[in-house]
Amino acid sequence: MKQYLISSSGLDARGVGPRIMLRTFPFLLAAVATELSQASFIRLTFFQHPIIQSSGFILLAAGLAFFLASLIQFSRNFPKGQLICTGMYACSRNPIYASWILFILPSLWLFLNNWLFLLSAVVMCVATIILVKEEEASLLEVFGDQYERYKGKVGRITRKL
């Protein structure tokens, strides 16, 4: 199992993901707990429109597709030890995290009308921006100028305009 997590270039597939999730988990837990208890203080009355809920469902479908495509691309290419710059990785340097931050968690906010899911997305975004710098240092060490050029074109969460 450990062999699968380490690429041929020596990078660890887990990166800072577990630490990002550790910081996000309490907020997600609160969101799920309030959803299960049907706490009324998390509901925003103006977000109870069917169009908003439908938009949340569509955003969730897009987010899951983006997440799965990123995960498949990562699992196929990471063990080779090459920098992944195409597909989902041309849209974001961290598309697995981005799918949760931009699509999945906000969609749950809209679909379930529970603003704690949006708060979870904000916490995850901040944790990603802070912690992913460690991964970037390793990537720069391994891939050098190739990674610098990639960073110049693609942002941590979204593609640069």
C-alpha atoms as a PDB file:
ATOM      1  CA  MET A   1       0.000   0.000   0.000  1.00  0.00           C
ATOM      2  CA  LYS A   2       2.765   2.436   0.913  1.00  0.00           C
ATOM      3  CA  GLN A   3       4.346   1.874  -2.525  1.00  0.00           C
ATOM      4  CA  TYR A   4       1.190   3.198  -4.159  1.00  0.00           C
ATOM      5  CA  LEU A   5       1.292   6.372  -2.049  1.00  0.00           C
ATOM      6  CA  ILE A   6       4.857   7.261  -3.067  1.00  0.00           C
ATOM      7  CA  SER A   7       5.554   8.304  -6.642  1.00  0.00           C
ATOM      8  CA  SER A   8       8.653   7.337  -8.574  1.00  0.00           C
ATOM      9  CA  SER A   9       9.915  10.886  -7.908  1.00  0.00           C
ATOM     10  CA  GLY A  10       9.561  10.371  -4.140  1.00  0.00           C
ATOM     11  CA  LEU A  11       6.459  12.504  -3.532  1.00  0.00           C
ATOM     12  CA  ASP A  12       3.788  11.329  -1.077  1.00  0.00           C
ATOM     13  CA  ALA A  13       0.254  11.142  -2.526  1.00  0.00           C
ATOM     14  CA  ARG A  14      -1.318  12.112   0.796  1.00  0.00           C
ATOM     15  CA  GLY A  15       0.377  15.497   0.835  1.00  0.00           C
ATOM     16  CA  VAL A  16      -1.331  17.884   3.238  1.00  0.00           C
ATOM     17  CA  GLY A  17      -4.805  16.485   2.528  1.00  0.00           C
ATOM     18  CA  PRO A  18      -5.222  14.803   5.925  1.00  0.00           C
ATOM     19  CA  ARG A  19      -4.292  18.049   7.701  1.00  0.00           C
ATOM     20  CA  ILE A  20      -6.706  20.072   5.561  1.00  0.00           C
ATOM     21  CA  MET A  21      -9.488  17.631   6.396  1.00  0.00           C
ATOM     22  CA  LEU A  22      -8.575  17.698  10.097  1.00  0.00           C
ATOM     23  CA  ARG A  23      -9.201  21.445  10.118  1.00  0.00           C
ATOM     24  CA  THR A  24     -12.386  21.181   8.042  1.00  0.00           C
ATOM     25  CA  PHE A  25     -13.905  18.161   9.812  1.00  0.00           C
ATOM     26  CA  PRO A  26     -15.314  19.985  12.905  1.00  0.00           C
ATOM     27  CA  PHE A  27     -17.259  22.359  10.647  1.00  0.00           C
ATOM     28  CA  LEU A  28     -18.518  19.513   8.472  1.00  0.00           C
ATOM     29  CA  LEU A  29     -19.527  17.586  11.573  1.00  0.00           C
ATOM     30  CA  ALA A  30     -21.485  20.606  12.827  1.00  0.00           C
ATOM     31  CA  ALA A  31     -23.170  20.958   9.423  1.00  0.00           C
ATOM     32  CA  VAL A  32     -24.196  17.302   9.361  1.00  0.00           C
ATOM     33  CA  ALA A  33     -25.329  17.362  13.022  1.00  0.00           C
ATOM     34  CA  THR A  34     -27.519  20.422  12.473  1.00  0.00           C
ATOM     35  CA  GLU A  35     -28.905  18.884   9.306  1.00  0.00           C
ATOM     36  CA  LEU A  36     -29.822  15.670  11.115  1.00  0.00           C
ATOM     37  CA  SER A  37     -31.371  17.542  14.027  1.00  0.00           C
ATOM     38  CA  GLN A  38     -33.195  19.843  11.600  1.00  0.00           C
ATOM     39  CA  ALA A  39     -32.051  22.903  13.532  1.00  0.00           C
ATOM     40  CA  SER A  40     -34.007  25.909  12.302  1.00  0.00           C
ATOM     41  CA  PHE A  41     -31.275  28.497  13.011  1.00  0.00           C
ATOM     42  CA  ILE A  42     -29.210  27.230  10.067  1.00  0.00           C
ATOM     43  CA  ARG A  43     -31.992  27.762   7.526  1.00  0.00           C
ATOM     44  CA  LEU A  44     -32.234  30.977   5.543  1.00  0.00           C
ATOM     45  CA  THR A  45     -35.831  31.613   4.471  1.00  0.00           C
ATOM     46  CA  PHE A  46     -34.927  33.293   1.185  1.00  0.00           C
ATOM     47  CA  PHE A  47     -32.924  30.180   0.160  1.00  0.00           C
ATOM     48  CA  GLN A  48     -35.923  27.854   0.325  1.00  0.00           C
ATOM     49  CA  HIS A  49     -36.904  28.387  -3.295  1.00  0.00           C
ATOM     50  CA  PRO A  50     -37.025  25.293  -5.546  1.00  0.00           C
ATOM     51  CA  ILE A  51     -34.806  26.987  -8.161  1.00  0.00           C
ATOM     52  CA  ILE A  52     -32.055  27.455  -5.569  1.00  0.00           C
ATOM     53  CA  GLN A  53     -32.371  23.854  -4.439  1.00  0.00           C
ATOM     54  CA  SER A  54     -32.271  22.664  -8.066  1.00  0.00           C
ATOM     55  CA  SER A  55     -29.181  24.802  -8.662  1.00  0.00           C
ATOM     56  CA  GLY A  56     -27.563  23.135  -5.662  1.00  0.00           C
ATOM     57  CA  PHE A  57     -28.323  19.713  -7.096  1.00  0.00           C
ATOM     58  CA  ILE A  58     -26.814  20.670 -10.488  1.00  0.00           C
ATOM     59  CA  LEU A  59     -23.744  22.135  -8.769  1.00  0.00           C
ATOM     60  CA  LEU A  60     -23.381  18.922  -6.756  1.00  0.00           C
ATOM     61  CA  ALA A  61     -23.474  16.806  -9.914  1.00  0.00           C
ATOM     62  CA  ALA A  62     -20.833  19.025 -11.546  1.00  0.00           C
ATOM     63  CA  GLY A  63     -18.690  18.922  -8.403  1.00  0.00           C
ATOM     64  CA  LEU A  64     -18.820  15.149  -8.141  1.00  0.00           C
ATOM     65  CA  ALA A  65     -17.871  14.830 -11.827  1.00  0.00           C
ATOM     66  CA  PHE A  66     -14.967  17.283 -11.349  1.00  0.00           C
ATOM     67  CA  PHE A  67     -13.874  15.429  -8.189  1.00  0.00           C
ATOM     68  CA  LEU A  68     -14.006  11.966  -9.783  1.00  0.00           C
ATOM     69  CA  ALA A  69     -12.214  13.120 -12.941  1.00  0.00           C
ATOM     70  CA  SER A  70      -9.471  14.709 -10.793  1.00  0.00           C
ATOM     71  CA  LEU A  71      -9.148  11.630  -8.608  1.00  0.00           C
ATOM     72  CA  ILE A  72      -8.922   9.286 -11.605  1.00  0.00           C
ATOM     73  CA  GLN A  73      -6.369  11.498 -13.331  1.00  0.00           C
ATOM     74  CA  PHE A  74      -4.299  11.723 -10.148  1.00  0.00           C
ATOM     75  CA  SER A  75      -4.399   7.987  -9.420  1.00  0.00           C
ATOM     76  CA  ARG A  76      -3.352   7.130 -12.979  1.00  0.00           C
ATOM     77  CA  ASN A  77      -0.531   9.656 -13.259  1.00  0.00           C
ATOM     78  CA  PHE A  78       0.897  10.267  -9.785  1.00  0.00           C
ATOM     79  CA  PRO A  79       2.750   6.926  -9.453  1.00  0.00           C
ATOM     80  CA  LYS A  80       4.679   7.733 -12.657  1.00  0.00           C
ATOM     81  CA  GLY A  81       6.367  10.640 -10.883  1.00  0.00           C
ATOM     82  CA  GLN A  82       5.571  13.199 -13.565  1.00  0.00           C
ATOM     83  CA  LEU A  83       4.078  16.643 -13.001  1.00  0.00           C
ATOM     84  CA  ILE A  84       0.375  16.559 -13.923  1.00  0.00           C
ATOM     85  CA  CYS A  85      -0.505  19.736 -15.858  1.00  0.00           C
ATOM     86  CA  THR A  86      -3.334  18.643 -18.147  1.00  0.00           C
ATOM     87  CA  GLY A  87      -7.023  17.839 -17.768  1.00  0.00           C
ATOM     88  CA  MET A  88      -8.383  18.920 -14.398  1.00  0.00           C
ATOM     89  CA  TYR A  89      -4.879  20.031 -13.400  1.00  0.00           C
ATOM     90  CA  ALA A  90      -4.969  22.651 -16.159  1.00  0.00           C
ATOM     91  CA  CYS A  91      -7.918  24.233 -14.296  1.00  0.00           C
ATOM     92  CA  SER A  92      -6.483  24.075 -10.762  1.00  0.00           C
ATOM     93  CA  ARG A  93      -3.193  23.014  -9.195  1.00  0.00           C
ATOM     94  CA  ASN A  94      -5.340  21.306  -6.540  1.00  0.00           C
ATOM     95  CA  PRO A  95      -8.487  20.156  -8.361  1.00  0.00           C
ATOM     96  CA  ILE A  96      -9.427  17.541  -5.756  1.00  0.00           C
ATOM     97  CA  TYR A  97      -9.575  20.207  -3.039  1.00  0.00           C
ATOM     98  CA  ALA A  98     -11.095  22.741  -5.466  1.00  0.00           C
ATOM     99  CA  SER A  99     -13.979  20.410  -6.297  1.00  0.00           C
ATOM    100  CA  TRP A 100     -14.972  20.384  -2.628  1.00  0.00           C
ATOM    101  CA  ILE A 101     -14.353  24.107  -2.062  1.00  0.00           C
ATOM    102  CA  LEU A 102     -16.066  25.429  -5.191  1.00  0.00           C
ATOM    103  CA  PHE A 103     -18.716  22.824  -5.953  1.00  0.00           C
ATOM    104  CA  ILE A 104     -19.559  20.104  -3.460  1.00  0.00           C
ATOM    105  CA  LEU A 105     -19.736  22.006  -0.157  1.00  0.00           C
ATOM    106  CA  PRO A 106     -21.465  25.100  -1.634  1.00  0.00           C
ATOM    107  CA  SER A 107     -23.932  22.827  -3.430  1.00  0.00           C
ATOM    108  CA  LEU A 108     -24.868  21.219  -0.112  1.00  0.00           C
ATOM    109  CA  TRP A 109     -25.432  24.712   1.267  1.00  0.00           C
ATOM    110  CA  LEU A 110     -27.850  25.507  -1.563  1.00  0.00           C
ATOM    111  CA  PHE A 111     -29.494  22.094  -1.762  1.00  0.00           C
ATOM    112  CA  LEU A 112     -29.978  21.620   1.981  1.00  0.00           C
ATOM    113  CA  ASN A 113     -30.211  25.327   2.929  1.00  0.00           C
ATOM    114  CA  ASN A 114     -27.581  24.871   5.629  1.00  0.00           C
ATOM    115  CA  TRP A 115     -25.026  27.711   5.686  1.00  0.00           C
ATOM    116  CA  LEU A 116     -22.639  25.610   7.813  1.00  0.00           C
ATOM    117  CA  PHE A 117     -21.674  23.743   4.621  1.00  0.00           C
ATOM    118  CA  LEU A 118     -20.625  27.065   3.082  1.00  0.00           C
ATOM    119  CA  LEU A 119     -18.637  27.852   6.233  1.00  0.00           C
ATOM    120  CA  SER A 120     -16.944  24.455   5.838  1.00  0.00           C
ATOM    121  CA  ALA A 121     -15.961  25.420   2.284  1.00  0.00           C
ATOM    122  CA  VAL A 122     -14.448  28.687   3.515  1.00  0.00           C
ATOM    123  CA  VAL A 123     -12.478  26.885   6.246  1.00  0.00           C
ATOM    124  CA  MET A 124     -11.278  24.293   3.744  1.00  0.00           C
ATOM    125  CA  CYS A 125     -10.233  27.028   1.312  1.00  0.00           C
ATOM    126  CA  VAL A 126      -8.197  28.866   3.951  1.00  0.00           C
ATOM    127  CA  ALA A 127      -6.583  25.618   5.166  1.00  0.00           C
ATOM    128  CA  THR A 128      -5.751  24.667   1.577  1.00  0.00           C
ATOM    129  CA  ILE A 129      -4.183  28.027   0.767  1.00  0.00           C
ATOM    130  CA  ILE A 130      -2.050  27.920   3.923  1.00  0.00           C
ATOM    131  CA  LEU A 131      -1.062  24.255   4.015  1.00  0.00           C
ATOM    132  CA  VAL A 132      -0.575  23.540   0.310  1.00  0.00           C
ATOM    133  CA  LYS A 133       2.526  25.751   0.360  1.00  0.00           C
ATOM    134  CA  GLU A 134       4.359  22.757   1.856  1.00  0.00           C
ATOM    135  CA  GLU A 135       3.400  20.591  -1.120  1.00  0.00           C
ATOM    136  CA  GLU A 136       4.442  23.361  -3.481  1.00  0.00           C
ATOM    137  CA  ALA A 137       7.918  23.498  -1.924  1.00  0.00           C
ATOM    138  CA  SER A 138       8.331  19.760  -2.551  1.00  0.00           C
ATOM    139  CA  LEU A 139       7.034  20.059  -6.098  1.00  0.00           C
ATOM    140  CA  LEU A 140       9.415  22.935  -6.786  1.00  0.00           C
ATOM    141  CA  GLU A 141      12.306  20.886  -5.441  1.00  0.00           C
ATOM    142  CA  VAL A 142      11.432  17.891  -7.622  1.00  0.00           C
ATOM    143  CA  PHE A 143      10.242  19.602 -10.831  1.00  0.00           C
ATOM    144  CA  GLY A 144      12.047  22.991 -10.702  1.00  0.00           C
ATOM    145  CA  ASP A 145      11.380  25.315 -13.651  1.00  0.00           C
ATOM    146  CA  GLN A 146       8.621  23.084 -15.011  1.00  0.00           C
ATOM    147  CA  TYR A 147       6.637  23.621 -11.806  1.00  0.00           C
ATOM    148  CA  GLU A 148       7.406  27.379 -11.796  1.00  0.00           C
ATOM    149  CA  ARG A 149       5.965  27.707 -15.316  1.00  0.00           C
ATOM    150  CA  TYR A 150       2.923  25.666 -14.293  1.00  0.00           C
ATOM    151  CA  LYS A 151       2.389  27.880 -11.208  1.00  0.00           C
ATOM    152  CA  GLY A 152       2.525  30.928 -13.476  1.00  0.00           C
ATOM    153  CA  LYS A 153      -0.432  29.636 -15.518  1.00  0.00           C
ATOM    154  CA  VAL A 154      -2.616  27.799 -13.010  1.00  0.00           C
ATOM    155  CA  GLY A 155      -3.750  29.018  -9.586  1.00  0.00           C
ATOM    156  CA  ARG A 156      -4.061  26.963  -6.410  1.00  0.00           C
ATOM    157  CA  ILE A 157      -7.833  26.799  -6.623  1.00  0.00           C
ATOM    158  CA  THR A 158      -8.728  28.108 -10.114  1.00  0.00           C
ATOM    159  CA  ARG A 159      -6.997  28.868 -13.385  1.00  0.00           C
ATOM    160  CA  LYS A 160      -5.414  32.312 -13.567  1.00  0.00           C
ATOM    161  CA  LEU A 161      -7.124  34.728 -15.936  1.00  0.00           C
END
